[in-house]
Structures are given as C-alpha cells and as structure tokens.
C-alpha cells in the first residue's frame, strides 16, 4: 500500500533465456490489478486470472506503441511505469502475441 493509501501491485522484474541464449527480461501486467508499477523490461506478459485470450507476450516497444497512453513514467530508479487501466481487447489484438 502506498503512502496515499492506494493498493499498488509492484510487478517484479524477471528474466529468462531466449532459445538462442540471449537473456531477456519481462514483467507481468495483470488485468486483475487496478494499479500497477511496471519495470522497464524487454517483454511484457499480459495475464488475467479470468482467462480469455490471455496470456500474451509482447515486446516492450510494441506495448508502448499501442498502449503507451496507459503508461505514466514514474521518477524512480530503476525506471517504472504506473498503469491504472488494462489495455482494451482492440489494443491487445494490435500488439500481437509472441506466444502464438
């Protein structure tokens, strides 16, 4: 909970290796969280406990291109972005999905 009494999900920075051996970082943008602080990562994994079309894995640049208006840079280090809304179905479709 923040100093303002808000419930905030602080998405962890995680990593894994691409099949070609390159390291990749990722964070989860959860549909079920009202307020999230996302770290800047190579990939964003979109997830909803309720199911549907998710999960979805998208490169950071594509997320910013399609849904950057939902992301507010926060003046902290390491860099994080405040999100208070989940992308719409149309935005998710426009982003594509590396898992498919």
PDB file of N, CA and C in Angstrom:
ATOM      1  N   UNK A   1       0.847  -1.173   0.000  1.00  0.00           N
ATOM      2  CA  UNK A   1       0.000   0.000   0.000  1.00  0.00           C
ATOM      3  C   UNK A   1       0.893   1.236   0.000  1.00  0.00           C
ATOM      4  N   UNK A   2       0.508   2.228  -0.775  1.00  0.00           N
ATOM      5  CA  UNK A   2       1.304   3.447  -0.868  1.00  0.00           C
ATOM      6  C   UNK A   2       1.038   4.357   0.322  1.00  0.00           C
ATOM      7  N   UNK A   3       1.833   5.425   0.410  1.00  0.00           N
ATOM      8  CA  UNK A   3       1.648   6.414   1.471  1.00  0.00           C
ATOM      9  C   UNK A   3       0.285   7.096   1.353  1.00  0.00           C
ATOM     10  N   UNK A   4      -0.295   7.074   0.158  1.00  0.00           N
ATOM     11  CA  UNK A   4      -1.613   7.680  -0.059  1.00  0.00           C
ATOM     12  C   UNK A   4      -2.753   6.705   0.214  1.00  0.00           C
ATOM     13  N   UNK A   5      -2.424   5.491   0.665  1.00  0.00           N
ATOM     14  CA  UNK A   5      -3.450   4.506   0.972  1.00  0.00           C
ATOM     15  C   UNK A   5      -3.943   3.718  -0.233  1.00  0.00           C
ATOM     16  N   UNK A   6      -3.211   3.780  -1.354  1.00  0.00           N
ATOM     17  CA  UNK A   6      -3.596   3.045  -2.552  1.00  0.00           C
ATOM     18  C   UNK A   6      -2.989   1.644  -2.533  1.00  0.00           C
ATOM     19  N   UNK A   7      -3.728   0.661  -3.027  1.00  0.00           N
ATOM     20  CA  UNK A   7      -3.167  -0.669  -3.220  1.00  0.00           C
ATOM     21  C   UNK A   7      -2.422  -0.663  -4.544  1.00  0.00           C
ATOM     22  N   UNK A   8      -1.153  -0.989  -4.501  1.00  0.00           N
ATOM     23  CA  UNK A   8      -0.314  -0.961  -5.692  1.00  0.00           C
ATOM     24  C   UNK A   8       0.381  -2.304  -5.843  1.00  0.00           C
ATOM     25  N   UNK A   9       0.234  -2.907  -7.028  1.00  0.00           N
ATOM     26  CA  UNK A   9       0.967  -4.118  -7.352  1.00  0.00           C
ATOM     27  C   UNK A   9       2.291  -3.691  -7.967  1.00  0.00           C
ATOM     28  N   UNK A  10       3.395  -4.034  -7.338  1.00  0.00           N
ATOM     29  CA  UNK A  10       4.720  -3.714  -7.868  1.00  0.00           C
ATOM     30  C   UNK A  10       5.184  -4.954  -8.627  1.00  0.00           C
ATOM     31  N   UNK A  11       5.066  -4.885  -9.948  1.00  0.00           N
ATOM     32  CA  UNK A  11       5.409  -6.029 -10.788  1.00  0.00           C
ATOM     33  C   UNK A  11       6.900  -6.317 -10.694  1.00  0.00           C
ATOM     34  N   UNK A  12       7.263  -7.557 -10.428  1.00  0.00           N
ATOM     35  CA  UNK A  12       8.689  -7.878 -10.341  1.00  0.00           C
ATOM     36  C   UNK A  12       9.358  -7.890 -11.710  1.00  0.00           C
ATOM     37  N   UNK A  13      10.648  -7.562 -11.710  1.00  0.00           N
ATOM     38  CA  UNK A  13      11.496  -7.689 -12.894  1.00  0.00           C
ATOM     39  C   UNK A  13      11.983  -9.129 -12.882  1.00  0.00           C
ATOM     40  N   UNK A  14      11.734  -9.850 -13.964  1.00  0.00           N
ATOM     41  CA  UNK A  14      12.148 -11.251 -14.055  1.00  0.00           C
ATOM     42  C   UNK A  14      12.957 -11.451 -15.322  1.00  0.00           C
ATOM     43  N   UNK A  15      13.683 -12.556 -15.381  1.00  0.00           N
ATOM     44  CA  UNK A  15      14.467 -12.820 -16.588  1.00  0.00           C
ATOM     45  C   UNK A  15      14.449 -14.300 -16.924  1.00  0.00           C
ATOM     46  N   UNK A  16      14.756 -14.558 -18.181  1.00  0.00           N
ATOM     47  CA  UNK A  16      14.906 -15.921 -18.682  1.00  0.00           C
ATOM     48  C   UNK A  16      15.786 -15.842 -19.914  1.00  0.00           C
ATOM     49  N   UNK A  17      16.141 -16.976 -20.448  1.00  0.00           N
ATOM     50  CA  UNK A  17      16.957 -17.004 -21.658  1.00  0.00           C
ATOM     51  C   UNK A  17      16.107 -17.333 -22.871  1.00  0.00           C
ATOM     52  N   UNK A  18      16.342 -16.580 -23.940  1.00  0.00           N
ATOM     53  CA  UNK A  18      15.736 -16.858 -25.236  1.00  0.00           C
ATOM     54  C   UNK A  18      16.336 -18.185 -25.714  1.00  0.00           C
ATOM     55  N   UNK A  19      15.627 -18.960 -26.535  1.00  0.00           N
ATOM     56  CA  UNK A  19      16.206 -20.218 -27.035  1.00  0.00           C
ATOM     57  C   UNK A  19      17.568 -20.062 -27.707  1.00  0.00           C
ATOM     58  N   UNK A  20      17.869 -18.860 -28.235  1.00  0.00           N
ATOM     59  CA  UNK A  20      19.188 -18.663 -28.859  1.00  0.00           C
ATOM     60  C   UNK A  20      20.268 -18.284 -27.834  1.00  0.00           C
ATOM     61  N   UNK A  21      19.910 -18.249 -26.549  1.00  0.00           N
ATOM     62  CA  UNK A  21      20.879 -17.982 -25.492  1.00  0.00           C
ATOM     63  C   UNK A  21      20.919 -16.567 -24.970  1.00  0.00           C
ATOM     64  N   UNK A  22      20.221 -15.624 -25.640  1.00  0.00           N
ATOM     65  CA  UNK A  22      20.199 -14.235 -25.171  1.00  0.00           C
ATOM     66  C   UNK A  22      19.361 -14.118 -23.896  1.00  0.00           C
ATOM     67  N   UNK A  23      19.804 -13.315 -22.932  1.00  0.00           N
ATOM     68  CA  UNK A  23      18.955 -13.058 -21.765  1.00  0.00           C
ATOM     69  C   UNK A  23      17.827 -12.090 -22.140  1.00  0.00           C
ATOM     70  N   UNK A  24      16.661 -12.301 -21.583  1.00  0.00           N
ATOM     71  CA  UNK A  24      15.506 -11.428 -21.784  1.00  0.00           C
ATOM     72  C   UNK A  24      14.874 -11.121 -20.437  1.00  0.00           C
ATOM     73  N   UNK A  25      14.468  -9.864 -20.255  1.00  0.00           N
ATOM     74  CA  UNK A  25      13.743  -9.503 -19.034  1.00  0.00           C
ATOM     75  C   UNK A  25      12.268  -9.368 -19.364  1.00  0.00           C
ATOM     76  N   UNK A  26      11.433  -9.619 -18.353  1.00  0.00           N
ATOM     77  CA  UNK A  26       9.994  -9.481 -18.552  1.00  0.00           C
ATOM     78  C   UNK A  26       9.318  -9.113 -17.235  1.00  0.00           C
ATOM     79  N   UNK A  27       8.117  -8.566 -17.371  1.00  0.00           N
ATOM     80  CA  UNK A  27       7.268  -8.251 -16.216  1.00  0.00           C
ATOM     81  C   UNK A  27       5.849  -8.618 -16.592  1.00  0.00           C
ATOM     82  N   UNK A  28       5.006  -8.782 -15.590  1.00  0.00           N
ATOM     83  CA  UNK A  28       3.606  -9.143 -15.822  1.00  0.00           C
ATOM     84  C   UNK A  28       2.717  -7.932 -15.607  1.00  0.00           C
ATOM     85  N   UNK A  29       1.859  -7.662 -16.588  1.00  0.00           N
ATOM     86  CA  UNK A  29       0.815  -6.635 -16.488  1.00  0.00           C
ATOM     87  C   UNK A  29      -0.472  -7.420 -16.288  1.00  0.00           C
ATOM     88  N   UNK A  30      -0.952  -7.455 -15.071  1.00  0.00           N
ATOM     89  CA  UNK A  30      -2.109  -8.279 -14.712  1.00  0.00           C
ATOM     90  C   UNK A  30      -3.419  -7.509 -14.861  1.00  0.00           C
ATOM     91  N   UNK A  31      -4.370  -8.125 -15.533  1.00  0.00           N
ATOM     92  CA  UNK A  31      -5.681  -7.498 -15.751  1.00  0.00           C
ATOM     93  C   UNK A  31      -6.433  -7.311 -14.450  1.00  0.00           C
ATOM     94  N   UNK A  32      -6.127  -8.142 -13.470  1.00  0.00           N
ATOM     95  CA  UNK A  32      -6.878  -8.133 -12.223  1.00  0.00           C
ATOM     96  C   UNK A  32      -6.361  -7.126 -11.195  1.00  0.00           C
ATOM     97  N   UNK A  33      -5.330  -6.374 -11.544  1.00  0.00           N
ATOM     98  CA  UNK A  33      -4.770  -5.359 -10.644  1.00  0.00           C
ATOM     99  C   UNK A  33      -5.178  -3.976 -11.127  1.00  0.00           C
ATOM    100  N   UNK A  34      -5.730  -3.159 -10.231  1.00  0.00           N
ATOM    101  CA  UNK A  34      -6.184  -1.820 -10.599  1.00  0.00           C
ATOM    102  C   UNK A  34      -5.050  -0.819 -10.766  1.00  0.00           C
ATOM    103  N   UNK A  35      -3.968  -1.026 -10.053  1.00  0.00           N
ATOM    104  CA  UNK A  35      -2.879  -0.053 -10.047  1.00  0.00           C
ATOM    105  C   UNK A  35      -1.572  -0.832  -9.989  1.00  0.00           C
ATOM    106  N   UNK A  36      -0.743  -0.672 -11.010  1.00  0.00           N
ATOM    107  CA  UNK A  36       0.489  -1.445 -11.105  1.00  0.00           C
ATOM    108  C   UNK A  36       1.667  -0.526 -11.410  1.00  0.00           C
ATOM    109  N   UNK A  37       2.811  -0.858 -10.855  1.00  0.00           N
ATOM    110  CA  UNK A  37       4.075  -0.228 -11.238  1.00  0.00           C
ATOM    111  C   UNK A  37       4.857  -1.269 -12.031  1.00  0.00           C
ATOM    112  N   UNK A  38       5.013  -1.010 -13.332  1.00  0.00           N
ATOM    113  CA  UNK A  38       5.731  -1.919 -14.226  1.00  0.00           C
ATOM    114  C   UNK A  38       7.182  -1.494 -14.366  1.00  0.00           C
ATOM    115  N   UNK A  39       8.122  -2.421 -14.236  1.00  0.00           N
ATOM    116  CA  UNK A  39       9.510  -2.080 -14.551  1.00  0.00           C
ATOM    117  C   UNK A  39       9.693  -2.062 -16.061  1.00  0.00           C
ATOM    118  N   UNK A  40      10.675  -1.323 -16.537  1.00  0.00           N
ATOM    119  CA  UNK A  40      11.013  -1.347 -17.963  1.00  0.00           C
ATOM    120  C   UNK A  40      11.731  -2.658 -18.223  1.00  0.00           C
ATOM    121  N   UNK A  41      11.183  -3.461 -19.125  1.00  0.00           N
ATOM    122  CA  UNK A  41      11.730  -4.782 -19.447  1.00  0.00           C
ATOM    123  C   UNK A  41      11.727  -4.993 -20.965  1.00  0.00           C
ATOM    124  N   UNK A  42      12.329  -6.071 -21.406  1.00  0.00           N
ATOM    125  CA  UNK A  42      12.321  -6.403 -22.835  1.00  0.00           C
ATOM    126  C   UNK A  42      10.921  -6.808 -23.298  1.00  0.00           C
ATOM    127  N   UNK A  43      10.210  -7.528 -22.439  1.00  0.00           N
ATOM    128  CA  UNK A  43       8.903  -8.077 -22.784  1.00  0.00           C
ATOM    129  C   UNK A  43       7.898  -7.800 -21.677  1.00  0.00           C
ATOM    130  N   UNK A  44       6.626  -7.717 -22.055  1.00  0.00           N
ATOM    131  CA  UNK A  44       5.528  -7.642 -21.085  1.00  0.00           C
ATOM    132  C   UNK A  44       4.644  -8.863 -21.300  1.00  0.00           C
ATOM    133  N   UNK A  45       4.337  -9.551 -20.226  1.00  0.00           N
ATOM    134  CA  UNK A  45       3.414 -10.680 -20.260  1.00  0.00           C
ATOM    135  C   UNK A  45       2.073 -10.176 -19.714  1.00  0.00           C
ATOM    136  N   UNK A  46       1.054 -10.230 -20.545  1.00  0.00           N
ATOM    137  CA  UNK A  46      -0.287  -9.828 -20.124  1.00  0.00           C
ATOM    138  C   UNK A  46      -0.995 -11.059 -19.602  1.00  0.00           C
ATOM    139  N   UNK A  47      -1.638 -10.913 -18.452  1.00  0.00           N
ATOM    140  CA  UNK A  47      -2.222 -12.070 -17.781  1.00  0.00           C
ATOM    141  C   UNK A  47      -3.518 -11.681 -17.092  1.00  0.00           C
ATOM    142  N   UNK A  48      -4.498 -12.577 -17.127  1.00  0.00           N
ATOM    143  CA  UNK A  48      -5.751 -12.387 -16.394  1.00  0.00           C
ATOM    144  C   UNK A  48      -6.141 -13.713 -15.766  1.00  0.00           C
ATOM    145  N   UNK A  49      -6.445 -13.693 -14.484  1.00  0.00           N
ATOM    146  CA  UNK A  49      -6.885 -14.913 -13.813  1.00  0.00           C
ATOM    147  C   UNK A  49      -8.207 -15.411 -14.387  1.00  0.00           C
ATOM    148  N   UNK A  50      -8.978 -14.495 -14.972  1.00  0.00           N
ATOM    149  CA  UNK A  50     -10.276 -14.859 -15.522  1.00  0.00           C
ATOM    150  C   UNK A  50     -10.166 -15.587 -16.859  1.00  0.00           C
ATOM    151  N   UNK A  51      -8.960 -15.687 -17.424  1.00  0.00           N
ATOM    152  CA  UNK A  51      -8.769 -16.433 -18.674  1.00  0.00           C
ATOM    153  C   UNK A  51      -8.972 -15.566 -19.887  1.00  0.00           C
ATOM    154  N   UNK A  52      -9.755 -16.043 -20.840  1.00  0.00           N
ATOM    155  CA  UNK A  52      -9.963 -15.314 -22.085  1.00  0.00           C
ATOM    156  C   UNK A  52      -8.830 -15.574 -23.055  1.00  0.00           C
ATOM    157  N   UNK A  53      -8.459 -14.567 -23.848  1.00  0.00           N
ATOM    158  CA  UNK A  53      -7.408 -14.689 -24.860  1.00  0.00           C
ATOM    159  C   UNK A  53      -6.008 -14.708 -24.258  1.00  0.00           C
ATOM    160  N   UNK A  54      -5.898 -14.406 -23.003  1.00  0.00           N
ATOM    161  CA  UNK A  54      -4.594 -14.266 -22.373  1.00  0.00           C
ATOM    162  C   UNK A  54      -4.081 -15.628 -21.941  1.00  0.00           C
ATOM    163  N   UNK A  55      -2.821 -15.876 -21.700  1.00  0.00           N
ATOM    164  CA  UNK A  55      -1.747 -14.887 -21.616  1.00  0.00           C
ATOM    165  C   UNK A  55      -1.237 -14.459 -22.990  1.00  0.00           C
ATOM    166  N   UNK A  56      -0.521 -13.386 -22.973  1.00  0.00           N
ATOM    167  CA  UNK A  56       0.008 -12.781 -24.187  1.00  0.00           C
ATOM    168  C   UNK A  56       1.389 -12.228 -23.842  1.00  0.00           C
ATOM    169  N   UNK A  57       2.345 -12.389 -24.739  1.00  0.00           N
ATOM    170  CA  UNK A  57       3.703 -11.905 -24.536  1.00  0.00           C
ATOM    171  C   UNK A  57       4.036 -10.941 -25.666  1.00  0.00           C
ATOM    172  N   UNK A  58       4.471  -9.718 -25.290  1.00  0.00           N
ATOM    173  CA  UNK A  58       4.659  -8.649 -26.277  1.00  0.00           C
ATOM    174  C   UNK A  58       5.960  -7.900 -25.979  1.00  0.00           C
ATOM    175  N   UNK A  59       6.673  -7.518 -27.032  1.00  0.00           N
ATOM    176  CA  UNK A  59       7.885  -6.720 -26.861  1.00  0.00           C
ATOM    177  C   UNK A  59       7.528  -5.335 -26.318  1.00  0.00           C
ATOM    178  N   UNK A  60       8.389  -4.812 -25.439  1.00  0.00           N
ATOM    179  CA  UNK A  60       8.169  -3.526 -24.781  1.00  0.00           C
ATOM    180  C   UNK A  60       7.826  -2.417 -25.780  1.00  0.00           C
ATOM    181  N   UNK A  61       8.604  -2.320 -26.855  1.00  0.00           N
ATOM    182  CA  UNK A  61       8.398  -1.246 -27.832  1.00  0.00           C
ATOM    183  C   UNK A  61       6.998  -1.290 -28.434  1.00  0.00           C
ATOM    184  N   UNK A  62       6.487  -2.497 -28.698  1.00  0.00           N
ATOM    185  CA  UNK A  62       5.146  -2.636 -29.272  1.00  0.00           C
ATOM    186  C   UNK A  62       4.082  -2.241 -28.244  1.00  0.00           C
ATOM    187  N   UNK A  63       4.300  -2.574 -26.980  1.00  0.00           N
ATOM    188  CA  UNK A  63       3.363  -2.175 -25.923  1.00  0.00           C
ATOM    189  C   UNK A  63       3.275  -0.656 -25.860  1.00  0.00           C
ATOM    190  N   UNK A  64       4.435   0.011 -25.876  1.00  0.00           N
ATOM    191  CA  UNK A  64       4.461   1.479 -25.814  1.00  0.00           C
ATOM    192  C   UNK A  64       3.796   2.081 -27.051  1.00  0.00           C
ATOM    193  N   UNK A  65       4.050   1.500 -28.218  1.00  0.00           N
ATOM    194  CA  UNK A  65       3.449   1.999 -29.462  1.00  0.00           C
ATOM    195  C   UNK A  65       1.921   1.947 -29.411  1.00  0.00           C
ATOM    196  N   UNK A  66       1.373   0.847 -28.905  1.00  0.00           N
ATOM    197  CA  UNK A  66      -0.081   0.642 -28.937  1.00  0.00           C
ATOM    198  C   UNK A  66      -0.779   1.173 -27.683  1.00  0.00           C
ATOM    199  N   UNK A  67      -0.168   1.010 -26.519  1.00  0.00           N
ATOM    200  CA  UNK A  67      -0.851   1.349 -25.266  1.00  0.00           C
ATOM    201  C   UNK A  67      -0.039   2.292 -24.386  1.00  0.00           C
ATOM    202  N   UNK A  68       0.876   3.026 -24.991  1.00  0.00           N
ATOM    203  CA  UNK A  68       1.702   3.942 -24.218  1.00  0.00           C
ATOM    204  C   UNK A  68       0.915   4.998 -23.468  1.00  0.00           C
ATOM    205  N   UNK A  69      -0.287   5.320 -23.959  1.00  0.00           N
ATOM    206  CA  UNK A  69      -1.114   6.314 -23.268  1.00  0.00           C
ATOM    207  C   UNK A  69      -1.605   5.808 -21.914  1.00  0.00           C
ATOM    208  N   UNK A  70      -1.494   4.498 -21.662  1.00  0.00           N
ATOM    209  CA  UNK A  70      -1.897   3.930 -20.371  1.00  0.00           C
ATOM    210  C   UNK A  70      -0.735   3.897 -19.375  1.00  0.00           C
ATOM    211  N   UNK A  71       0.459   4.277 -19.837  1.00  0.00           N
ATOM    212  CA  UNK A  71       1.675   4.157 -19.036  1.00  0.00           C
ATOM    213  C   UNK A  71       2.215   5.535 -18.676  1.00  0.00           C
ATOM    214  N   UNK A  72       2.401   5.768 -17.396  1.00  0.00           N
ATOM    215  CA  UNK A  72       2.923   7.049 -16.913  1.00  0.00           C
ATOM    216  C   UNK A  72       4.284   6.813 -16.255  1.00  0.00           C
ATOM    217  N   UNK A  73       5.324   7.427 -16.795  1.00  0.00           N
ATOM    218  CA  UNK A  73       6.659   7.269 -16.218  1.00  0.00           C
ATOM    219  C   UNK A  73       6.676   7.818 -14.800  1.00  0.00           C
ATOM    220  N   UNK A  74       7.313   7.081 -13.904  1.00  0.00           N
ATOM    221  CA  UNK A  74       7.445   7.484 -12.509  1.00  0.00           C
ATOM    222  C   UNK A  74       8.916   7.832 -12.281  1.00  0.00           C
ATOM    223  N   UNK A  75       9.171   8.902 -11.580  1.00  0.00           N
ATOM    224  CA  UNK A  75      10.533   9.376 -11.361  1.00  0.00           C
ATOM    225  C   UNK A  75      11.198   8.593 -10.241  1.00  0.00           C
ATOM    226  N   UNK A  76      11.549   7.338 -10.526  1.00  0.00           N
ATOM    227  CA  UNK A  76      12.249   6.486  -9.572  1.00  0.00           C
ATOM    228  C   UNK A  76      13.286   5.664 -10.330  1.00  0.00           C
ATOM    229  N   UNK A  77      14.200   5.080  -9.590  1.00  0.00           N
ATOM    230  CA  UNK A  77      15.184   4.193 -10.189  1.00  0.00           C
ATOM    231  C   UNK A  77      15.136   2.860  -9.469  1.00  0.00           C
ATOM    232  N   UNK A  78      15.134   1.756 -10.168  1.00  0.00           N
ATOM    233  CA  UNK A  78      15.128   1.638 -11.619  1.00  0.00           C
ATOM    234  C   UNK A  78      13.807   2.125 -12.214  1.00  0.00           C
ATOM    235  N   UNK A  79      13.808   2.461 -13.505  1.00  0.00           N
ATOM    236  CA  UNK A  79      12.620   3.031 -14.150  1.00  0.00           C
ATOM    237  C   UNK A  79      11.391   2.130 -14.014  1.00  0.00           C
ATOM    238  N   UNK A  80      10.276   2.776 -13.673  1.00  0.00           N
ATOM    239  CA  UNK A  80       8.986   2.075 -13.593  1.00  0.00           C
ATOM    240  C   UNK A  80       7.924   2.957 -14.213  1.00  0.00           C
ATOM    241  N   UNK A  81       6.827   2.316 -14.588  1.00  0.00           N
ATOM    242  CA  UNK A  81       5.706   2.999 -15.226  1.00  0.00           C
ATOM    243  C   UNK A  81       4.428   2.641 -14.485  1.00  0.00           C
ATOM    244  N   UNK A  82       3.662   3.661 -14.138  1.00  0.00           N
ATOM    245  CA  UNK A  82       2.388   3.475 -13.433  1.00  0.00           C
ATOM    246  C   UNK A  82       1.304   3.188 -14.469  1.00  0.00           C
ATOM    247  N   UNK A  83       0.568   2.107 -14.257  1.00  0.00           N
ATOM    248  CA  UNK A  83      -0.578   1.795 -15.114  1.00  0.00           C
ATOM    249  C   UNK A  83      -1.805   1.634 -14.224  1.00  0.00           C
ATOM    250  N   UNK A  84      -2.888   2.275 -14.634  1.00  0.00           N
ATOM    251  CA  UNK A  84      -4.131   2.230 -13.848  1.00  0.00           C
ATOM    252  C   UNK A  84      -5.279   1.629 -14.633  1.00  0.00           C
ATOM    253  N   UNK A  85      -4.985   1.176 -15.846  1.00  0.00           N
ATOM    254  CA  UNK A  85      -6.002   0.537 -16.679  1.00  0.00           C
ATOM    255  C   UNK A  85      -5.322  -0.536 -17.513  1.00  0.00           C
ATOM    256  N   UNK A  86      -6.055  -1.573 -17.825  1.00  0.00           N
ATOM    257  CA  UNK A  86      -5.556  -2.658 -18.655  1.00  0.00           C
ATOM    258  C   UNK A  86      -5.883  -2.339 -20.111  1.00  0.00           C
ATOM    259  N   UNK A  87      -5.022  -2.726 -21.048  1.00  0.00           N
ATOM    260  CA  UNK A  87      -5.321  -2.459 -22.464  1.00  0.00           C
ATOM    261  C   UNK A  87      -6.656  -3.073 -22.886  1.00  0.00           C
ATOM    262  N   UNK A  88      -7.307  -2.410 -23.826  1.00  0.00           N
ATOM    263  CA  UNK A  88      -8.570  -2.915 -24.358  1.00  0.00           C
ATOM    264  C   UNK A  88      -8.306  -4.142 -25.225  1.00  0.00           C
ATOM    265  N   UNK A  89      -9.359  -4.846 -25.562  1.00  0.00           N
ATOM    266  CA  UNK A  89      -9.237  -6.019 -26.434  1.00  0.00           C
ATOM    267  C   UNK A  89      -8.634  -5.612 -27.778  1.00  0.00           C
ATOM    268  N   UNK A  90      -9.054  -4.464 -28.316  1.00  0.00           N
ATOM    269  CA  UNK A  90      -8.502  -3.986 -29.588  1.00  0.00           C
ATOM    270  C   UNK A  90      -7.010  -3.682 -29.473  1.00  0.00           C
ATOM    271  N   UNK A  91      -6.597  -3.085 -28.352  1.00  0.00           N
ATOM    272  CA  UNK A  91      -5.181  -2.794 -28.152  1.00  0.00           C
ATOM    273  C   UNK A  91      -4.377  -4.092 -28.052  1.00  0.00           C
ATOM    274  N   UNK A  92      -4.893  -5.056 -27.306  1.00  0.00           N
ATOM    275  CA  UNK A  92      -4.191  -6.336 -27.176  1.00  0.00           C
ATOM    276  C   UNK A  92      -4.044  -7.013 -28.539  1.00  0.00           C
ATOM    277  N   UNK A  93      -5.091  -6.976 -29.339  1.00  0.00           N
ATOM    278  CA  UNK A  93      -5.044  -7.553 -30.678  1.00  0.00           C
ATOM    279  C   UNK A  93      -3.997  -6.846 -31.530  1.00  0.00           C
ATOM    280  N   UNK A  94      -3.951  -5.515 -31.455  1.00  0.00           N
ATOM    281  CA  UNK A  94      -2.993  -4.736 -32.234  1.00  0.00           C
ATOM    282  C   UNK A  94      -1.552  -5.017 -31.828  1.00  0.00           C
ATOM    283  N   UNK A  95      -1.329  -5.393 -30.574  1.00  0.00           N
ATOM    284  CA  UNK A  95       0.017  -5.698 -30.102  1.00  0.00           C
ATOM    285  C   UNK A  95       0.548  -7.016 -30.647  1.00  0.00           C
ATOM    286  N   UNK A  96      -0.350  -7.933 -30.936  1.00  0.00           N
ATOM    287  CA  UNK A  96       0.080  -9.268 -31.351  1.00  0.00           C
ATOM    288  C   UNK A  96       0.408 -10.129 -30.148  1.00  0.00           C
ATOM    289  N   UNK A  97       0.980 -11.291 -30.397  1.00  0.00           N
ATOM    290  CA  UNK A  97       1.294 -12.220 -29.314  1.00  0.00           C
ATOM    291  C   UNK A  97       2.446 -13.107 -29.748  1.00  0.00           C
ATOM    292  N   UNK A  98       3.553 -12.998 -29.050  1.00  0.00           N
ATOM    293  CA  UNK A  98       4.722 -13.820 -29.366  1.00  0.00           C
ATOM    294  C   UNK A  98       4.485 -15.285 -29.020  1.00  0.00           C
ATOM    295  N   UNK A  99       3.442 -15.584 -28.240  1.00  0.00           N
ATOM    296  CA  UNK A  99       3.165 -16.961 -27.843  1.00  0.00           C
ATOM    297  C   UNK A  99       2.383 -17.732 -28.901  1.00  0.00           C
ATOM    298  N   UNK A 100       1.855 -17.035 -29.897  1.00  0.00           N
ATOM    299  CA  UNK A 100       1.048 -17.751 -30.896  1.00  0.00           C
ATOM    300  C   UNK A 100       1.809 -17.994 -32.170  1.00  0.00           C
TER     301      UNK A 100
END
